[in-house]
Protein backbone atom coordinates (compact mmCIF):
# COMPACT_ATOMS: atom_id res chain seq x y z
CA MET A 1 89.75 -107.20 213.46
CA THR A 2 90.40 -103.78 212.15
CA ASP A 3 93.44 -102.66 214.18
CA GLU A 4 96.79 -102.17 212.92
CA SER A 5 97.95 -105.69 213.96
CA SER A 6 95.49 -107.13 211.53
CA VAL A 7 96.73 -105.38 208.47
CA THR A 8 99.25 -107.38 206.08
CA GLN A 9 101.42 -105.13 203.88
CA THR A 10 101.52 -107.43 200.72
CA LEU A 11 99.67 -110.52 199.72
CA SER A 12 100.76 -113.46 197.44
CA VAL A 13 98.59 -113.24 194.34
CA GLY A 14 99.95 -116.16 192.30
CA PRO A 15 100.55 -115.40 188.70
CA ARG A 16 99.79 -111.63 189.19
CA PRO A 17 102.45 -109.30 190.49
CA GLU A 18 102.70 -108.89 194.04
CA VAL A 19 100.79 -105.82 195.26
CA ASP A 20 100.48 -103.81 198.42
CA LEU A 21 96.91 -104.65 199.47
CA PRO A 22 95.82 -104.45 203.08
CA CYS A 23 94.38 -107.64 204.58
CA VAL A 24 92.16 -107.66 207.71
CA THR A 25 90.38 -110.36 209.59
CA GLY A 26 86.71 -110.38 210.52
CA GLN A 27 83.39 -112.01 210.52
CA GLY A 28 81.95 -109.92 207.59
CA LEU A 29 81.48 -106.33 206.63
CA PHE A 30 79.62 -103.43 208.43
CA PHE A 31 78.28 -100.87 205.95
CA VAL A 32 77.40 -97.29 206.89
CA ALA A 33 76.16 -94.99 204.05
CA ASP A 34 76.23 -91.07 203.79
CA PRO A 35 76.34 -89.80 207.33
CA HIS A 36 76.87 -86.10 206.07
CA VAL A 37 78.54 -84.85 209.22
CA ALA A 38 78.48 -81.09 209.48
CA ASP A 39 78.73 -78.26 212.09
CA VAL A 40 75.77 -76.25 210.93
CA PRO A 41 72.37 -78.32 210.47
CA PRO A 42 71.68 -78.85 206.79
CA GLY A 43 68.19 -78.26 205.34
CA GLN A 44 65.58 -78.04 207.98
CA ARG A 45 67.42 -79.89 210.69
CA LEU A 46 67.24 -78.36 214.09
CA PRO A 47 70.35 -77.58 216.28
CA GLY A 48 72.22 -80.52 217.76
CA TYR A 49 72.80 -82.01 214.30
CA ARG A 50 76.49 -82.55 214.64
CA GLU A 51 76.39 -84.45 218.01
CA GLN A 52 73.53 -86.42 216.73
CA VAL A 53 75.44 -87.63 213.66
CA LEU A 54 78.65 -88.25 215.68
CA ASP A 55 76.56 -90.34 218.18
CA LYS A 56 75.31 -92.50 215.34
CA LEU A 57 78.75 -93.05 214.07
CA ALA A 58 79.87 -93.93 217.49
CA ALA A 59 77.14 -96.59 217.88
CA CYS A 60 77.95 -97.93 214.34
CA LEU A 61 81.66 -98.41 215.23
CA GLU A 62 80.88 -100.03 218.57
CA GLU A 63 78.43 -102.46 216.95
CA ALA A 64 80.94 -103.33 214.13
CA SER A 65 83.58 -103.86 216.79
CA ARG A 66 81.30 -106.14 218.83
CA ARG A 67 80.61 -108.23 215.68
CA GLU A 68 84.21 -108.30 214.78
CA MET A 69 83.84 -106.63 211.38
CA PRO A 70 85.59 -103.87 209.60
CA LEU A 71 83.46 -100.75 209.15
CA VAL A 72 83.07 -99.59 205.48
CA LEU A 73 81.71 -96.08 204.91
CA LEU A 74 79.89 -95.76 201.56
CA GLY A 75 80.67 -92.13 200.77
CA ASP A 76 79.58 -88.69 201.88
CA LEU A 77 81.15 -88.71 205.35
CA PHE A 78 81.04 -85.04 205.15
CA HIS A 79 78.05 -82.71 204.10
CA TRP A 80 80.47 -79.84 203.08
CA PRO A 81 83.85 -80.91 201.72
CA ARG A 82 85.78 -78.11 203.30
CA ASP A 83 85.52 -75.38 206.17
CA ASN A 84 84.78 -77.99 208.74
CA SER A 85 85.48 -76.92 212.25
CA ASN A 86 88.63 -78.10 214.00
CA THR A 87 86.35 -79.24 216.70
CA LEU A 88 84.48 -81.45 214.27
CA LEU A 89 87.75 -82.89 212.68
CA VAL A 90 89.32 -83.62 216.10
CA SER A 91 86.05 -85.37 217.16
CA LEU A 92 86.20 -87.57 214.17
CA MET A 93 89.82 -88.39 214.85
CA GLU A 94 89.15 -89.43 218.31
CA LEU A 95 86.18 -91.54 217.10
CA PHE A 96 88.02 -93.30 214.12
CA ARG A 97 91.44 -93.72 215.52
CA PRO A 98 90.91 -97.01 217.44
CA HIS A 99 88.89 -98.48 214.40
CA GLN A 100 90.53 -96.97 211.28
CA PRO A 101 87.36 -97.42 209.06
CA PHE A 102 87.54 -97.99 205.22
CA VAL A 103 85.96 -94.76 203.72
CA LEU A 104 84.82 -94.46 200.17
CA VAL A 105 84.94 -90.96 198.65
CA GLY A 106 81.45 -89.58 197.84
CA ASN A 107 80.37 -86.45 195.84
CA HIS A 108 80.02 -84.34 199.03
CA ASP A 109 83.50 -85.23 200.05
CA LYS A 110 84.98 -83.52 196.99
CA TYR A 111 85.46 -79.76 196.16
CA GLN A 112 84.20 -78.64 192.97
CA ALA A 113 83.72 -82.12 191.82
CA ARG A 114 87.30 -83.21 192.27
CA TRP A 115 89.28 -85.10 195.05
CA THR A 116 91.92 -82.57 196.34
CA ARG A 117 94.40 -82.51 199.29
CA ASP A 118 92.64 -79.55 200.84
CA VAL A 119 89.22 -81.30 201.79
CA SER A 120 88.47 -82.24 205.23
CA LEU A 121 88.49 -86.11 204.23
CA ALA A 122 92.12 -85.79 203.13
CA VAL A 123 93.08 -84.36 206.82
CA LEU A 124 91.60 -87.50 208.32
CA ARG A 125 93.64 -89.55 205.91
CA GLU A 126 96.88 -87.67 206.74
CA ALA A 127 96.06 -88.07 210.42
CA GLY A 128 96.09 -91.93 209.91
CA VAL A 129 92.63 -92.41 211.34
CA VAL A 130 90.79 -93.59 208.12
CA ARG A 131 91.70 -95.94 205.34
CA LEU A 132 90.61 -93.99 202.20
CA MET A 133 89.19 -95.55 199.09
CA HIS A 134 89.80 -92.77 196.65
CA GLU A 135 90.90 -94.55 193.47
CA PRO A 136 88.86 -97.37 191.72
CA GLY A 137 89.88 -100.93 192.10
CA PRO A 138 90.68 -103.70 194.64
CA GLN A 139 90.93 -102.01 198.19
CA PHE A 140 91.57 -104.88 200.76
CA VAL A 141 91.12 -108.57 201.46
CA LEU A 142 88.85 -109.78 204.38
CA GLU A 143 89.99 -112.96 205.89
CA SER A 144 86.87 -114.57 207.34
CA PRO A 145 86.18 -118.07 208.73
CA GLN A 146 84.09 -118.76 205.71
CA GLY A 147 86.95 -117.72 203.21
CA ARG A 148 88.77 -114.93 201.60
CA VAL A 149 86.67 -111.79 200.33
CA LEU A 150 88.13 -109.33 198.01
CA VAL A 151 86.69 -105.74 198.63
CA GLY A 152 86.85 -103.42 195.76
CA ALA A 153 85.44 -99.83 195.24
CA THR A 154 84.53 -97.23 192.79
CA PRO A 155 84.49 -93.65 194.22
CA ASP A 156 82.28 -91.05 192.91
CA GLY A 157 83.24 -89.67 189.48
CA PHE A 158 84.46 -92.98 188.09
CA ARG A 159 82.75 -95.53 185.87
CA LEU A 160 81.18 -98.43 187.43
CA PRO A 161 83.13 -101.68 186.99
CA ARG A 162 82.34 -104.15 184.13
CA GLY A 163 83.28 -107.01 186.36
CA TYR A 164 86.36 -108.52 188.05
CA PRO A 165 89.01 -108.61 187.00
CA GLY A 166 88.45 -105.57 184.74
CA PRO A 167 89.84 -104.99 181.41
CA GLY A 168 93.69 -105.52 182.13
CA LYS A 169 94.08 -102.95 184.91
CA ASP A 170 92.98 -104.60 188.22
CA GLN A 171 95.96 -104.98 190.53
CA GLY A 172 94.68 -107.57 193.09
CA PRO A 173 94.42 -111.25 193.75
CA ASP A 174 93.30 -113.44 190.84
CA ARG A 175 89.61 -114.19 190.96
CA SER A 176 90.38 -117.90 191.53
CA GLN A 177 92.34 -116.95 194.83
CA VAL A 178 89.29 -115.47 196.49
CA ASP A 179 85.91 -117.00 197.39
CA THR A 180 83.79 -113.86 197.04
CA VAL A 181 84.21 -110.30 195.58
CA VAL A 182 82.14 -107.37 197.09
CA TRP A 183 82.41 -104.05 195.44
CA CYS A 184 81.49 -100.75 196.95
CA THR A 185 80.13 -97.57 194.94
CA HIS A 186 78.74 -94.17 195.34
CA HIS A 187 76.57 -93.79 192.24
CA ASN A 188 73.17 -93.14 190.67
CA ILE A 189 71.95 -96.66 189.86
CA SER A 190 68.54 -97.70 188.36
CA PHE A 191 67.22 -99.40 191.48
CA PRO A 192 63.41 -99.94 191.52
CA ASP A 193 62.48 -96.52 192.90
CA PHE A 194 65.10 -94.64 190.51
CA LEU A 195 64.73 -96.31 187.30
CA ASP A 196 65.73 -93.12 185.40
CA ARG A 197 69.21 -93.23 186.79
CA ALA A 198 72.13 -93.62 184.62
CA GLY A 199 73.89 -96.64 186.16
CA ARG A 200 72.13 -99.81 184.72
CA ILE A 201 71.76 -102.82 186.84
CA ARG A 202 73.38 -105.85 184.99
CA GLU A 203 75.44 -108.91 185.73
CA LEU A 204 79.13 -107.92 186.54
CA PRO A 205 81.19 -111.07 185.83
CA GLY A 206 83.39 -112.03 188.72
CA ILE A 207 81.56 -109.68 191.19
CA ASP A 208 79.12 -111.27 193.70
CA TRP A 209 77.87 -108.19 195.48
CA LEU A 210 77.82 -104.56 194.63
CA VAL A 211 76.84 -102.32 197.62
CA ASN A 212 75.91 -98.71 196.93
CA GLY A 213 75.81 -95.53 198.85
CA HIS A 214 74.54 -92.07 197.59
CA ILE A 215 71.02 -93.04 197.22
CA HIS A 216 69.62 -92.31 200.59
CA ARG A 217 66.32 -94.33 200.41
CA VAL A 218 66.80 -98.00 201.10
CA GLN A 219 66.17 -100.08 197.84
CA PRO A 220 65.07 -103.80 197.41
CA GLN A 221 67.95 -105.86 196.39
CA VAL A 222 68.15 -106.70 192.65
CA ARG A 223 69.81 -109.92 191.34
CA ALA A 224 71.44 -109.73 187.86
CA GLY A 225 72.90 -113.14 186.90
CA ASN A 226 75.41 -113.84 189.49
CA THR A 227 75.66 -110.30 190.88
CA LEU A 228 73.40 -109.00 193.77
CA TRP A 229 73.07 -105.27 193.91
CA ALA A 230 72.12 -103.62 197.35
CA ASN A 231 71.46 -99.98 198.37
CA PRO A 232 70.96 -100.07 202.15
CA GLY A 233 70.08 -96.44 202.60
CA ASN A 234 71.93 -93.91 204.75
CA ILE A 235 71.87 -93.25 208.53
CA THR A 236 70.91 -89.59 208.41
CA ARG A 237 67.53 -87.96 207.76
CA LEU A 238 68.38 -84.89 205.87
CA THR A 239 65.03 -83.78 204.17
CA PHE A 240 61.60 -82.95 205.86
CA THR A 241 59.39 -85.20 203.88
CA ARG A 242 56.94 -88.03 204.84
CA LEU A 243 59.28 -90.64 203.54
CA SER A 244 62.03 -89.37 205.96
CA ARG A 245 59.44 -89.58 208.91
CA GLU A 246 58.63 -93.12 208.12
CA ARG A 247 62.14 -94.20 207.50
CA VAL A 248 64.34 -95.83 210.19
CA PRO A 249 68.06 -94.90 209.74
CA ALA A 250 69.98 -98.16 209.56
CA ALA A 251 73.48 -99.59 208.98
CA ALA A 252 73.81 -102.87 206.94
CA VAL A 253 75.64 -106.16 207.75
CA TRP A 254 77.17 -108.45 205.16
CA THR A 255 78.21 -111.93 205.91
CA PRO A 256 80.00 -114.47 203.69
CA GLY A 257 77.22 -116.60 202.10
CA CYS A 258 74.30 -114.44 202.90
CA GLU A 259 71.51 -113.70 200.39
CA GLU A 260 70.40 -110.46 201.84
CA LEU A 261 71.93 -107.64 203.94
CA GLU A 262 70.96 -107.56 207.53
CA ARG A 263 69.64 -104.19 208.54
CA TRP A 264 70.88 -102.81 211.79
CA PRO A 265 68.79 -99.78 212.99
CA VAL A 266 70.93 -97.05 214.24
CA PRO A 267 69.93 -95.43 217.59
CA HIS A 268 68.19 -92.30 216.66
CA GLN A 269 65.71 -89.56 217.95
CA ASP A 270 62.17 -88.93 217.13
CA PHE A 271 61.50 -87.11 213.78
CA TYR A 272 59.93 -84.22 215.45
CA THR A 273 62.85 -83.87 217.72
CA VAL A 274 65.29 -83.36 214.72
CA PHE A 275 62.89 -81.57 212.60
CA PRO A 276 60.35 -78.71 213.16
CA ARG A 277 56.71 -79.47 213.57
CA GLN A 278 55.13 -77.78 210.40
CA GLU A 279 53.11 -78.87 207.47
CA PHE A 280 54.67 -81.24 204.85
CA PRO A 281 54.86 -79.98 201.31
CA PRO A 282 52.45 -81.64 198.74
CA GLU A 283 53.25 -85.32 198.18
CA GLU A 284 53.83 -85.02 194.37
CA GLN A 285 56.41 -82.18 195.17
CA GLU A 286 58.16 -84.41 197.62
CA GLN A 287 58.38 -87.57 195.41
CA GLN A 288 59.25 -85.56 192.09
CA GLY A 289 60.38 -82.05 192.44
CA GLU A 290 62.30 -82.07 195.59
CA SER A 291 64.81 -84.66 194.55
CA ARG A 292 65.19 -82.98 191.13
CA PHE A 293 65.68 -79.62 192.78
CA LEU A 294 68.12 -80.77 195.27
CA GLU A 295 70.11 -82.62 192.72
CA GLY A 296 70.18 -79.48 190.35
CA LEU A 297 71.19 -77.29 193.26
CA GLU A 298 73.98 -79.63 194.16
CA ARG A 299 75.27 -79.67 190.53
CA LEU A 300 75.41 -75.75 190.38
CA ALA A 301 77.23 -75.71 193.72
CA MET A 302 79.89 -77.98 192.31
CA ARG A 303 80.56 -75.54 189.45
CA ARG A 304 83.47 -73.13 189.42
CA SER A 305 81.41 -70.14 188.04
CA ARG A 306 80.76 -67.39 190.53
CA GLU A 307 78.51 -65.09 188.39
CA GLY A 308 75.31 -66.46 189.76
CA THR A 309 73.50 -66.46 186.42
CA GLY A 310 73.02 -70.11 186.23
CA LEU A 311 71.67 -70.27 189.77
CA LYS A 312 69.32 -67.25 189.10
CA ASP A 313 67.84 -69.24 186.14
CA PHE A 314 67.61 -72.55 188.14
CA LEU A 315 65.70 -70.72 190.87
CA SER A 316 63.31 -68.98 188.64
CA ALA A 317 62.30 -72.16 187.16
CA ASN A 318 62.07 -74.35 190.29
CA LEU A 319 60.87 -72.31 193.15
CA CYS A 320 57.18 -71.88 193.91
CA GLY A 321 56.36 -68.13 194.45
CA ASP A 322 53.68 -68.84 196.95
CA ALA A 323 55.71 -71.04 199.29
CA PRO A 324 56.96 -69.05 202.35
CA GLU A 325 60.61 -70.65 202.00
CA SER A 326 60.81 -69.23 198.41
CA GLY A 327 61.17 -65.57 199.76
CA LEU A 328 64.01 -66.74 202.18
CA ILE A 329 65.77 -68.68 199.31
CA TRP A 330 65.60 -65.45 197.05
CA ASP A 331 66.89 -63.24 199.94
CA LEU A 332 69.92 -65.64 200.49
CA TYR A 333 70.56 -65.73 196.72
CA GLN A 334 70.52 -61.79 196.52
CA GLU A 335 72.93 -61.74 199.56
CA VAL A 336 75.38 -63.98 197.76
CA VAL A 337 75.21 -62.09 194.43
CA ASP A 338 75.49 -58.57 196.17
CA GLY A 339 78.54 -59.95 198.26
CA ASP A 340 80.33 -60.99 195.08
CA GLN A 341 79.93 -57.69 193.44
């Protein structure tokens, strides 16, 4: 399955040059999106967050192994790209070493919007416990009982593919030598609930499936010509909203020839075990303001500037003065600004 004995160093690719592309055997692909592992609970999550997410990953790895499928992580393994504790890194090494999952680089895995060797995910790569997908293009070949599957990927920060093969730069098997092409991405894509997103859904010639991370809310599959676009949603509830309360964290299973991803509910705790019991914000704020606020805050956090001016303007425009959490956010902002002076 996914152990080292199943890896072939090179594949014969006919008229194309021979390339060093891993080959694994399995019954399909087991997708896990955006765990956001962290030592400190993000947002309004209660203590115990780290252990809860690690338990979810362990359950997914066990299920993928039971199904004889390589596990493919669709980005944002980490919530913070750096400064994760040695305890957390060692726990992930112990968890991943027997399985060596394929891990796509997401926006939260990078520091200042760049992939660098000093991020936590690079440590796992150097430890040899993950197979990293940090460059766009073909990543590995799955040899399944139903045929050969080429798995490609486009990490965060790169353009979505136009198809396979791409315009003269794909180094992988000729399309005629594989039965199916599955492409993994970590992008803003215009699925039904996110029509304002930049990534337009269209047919990608030569690509049968595009499976996306990044968007945490599960989306209906969309067919564009011969390409099926899927967004299975993530396994970790990060925001205190009605939608999070109703959502069941799940991984996704792809098998050759399927027309729809199979959802595999991940063992998880009750919503009010991991979030405090309190009133929800107004629904219109949940559906519109919250996502824009968090995306804007994320963009600011990725910038190199330390002067705090942009953040102050952003908070002034977006915080509601009557909300109790607004005062806390302003106090935290002032602490950061005062500490930099």
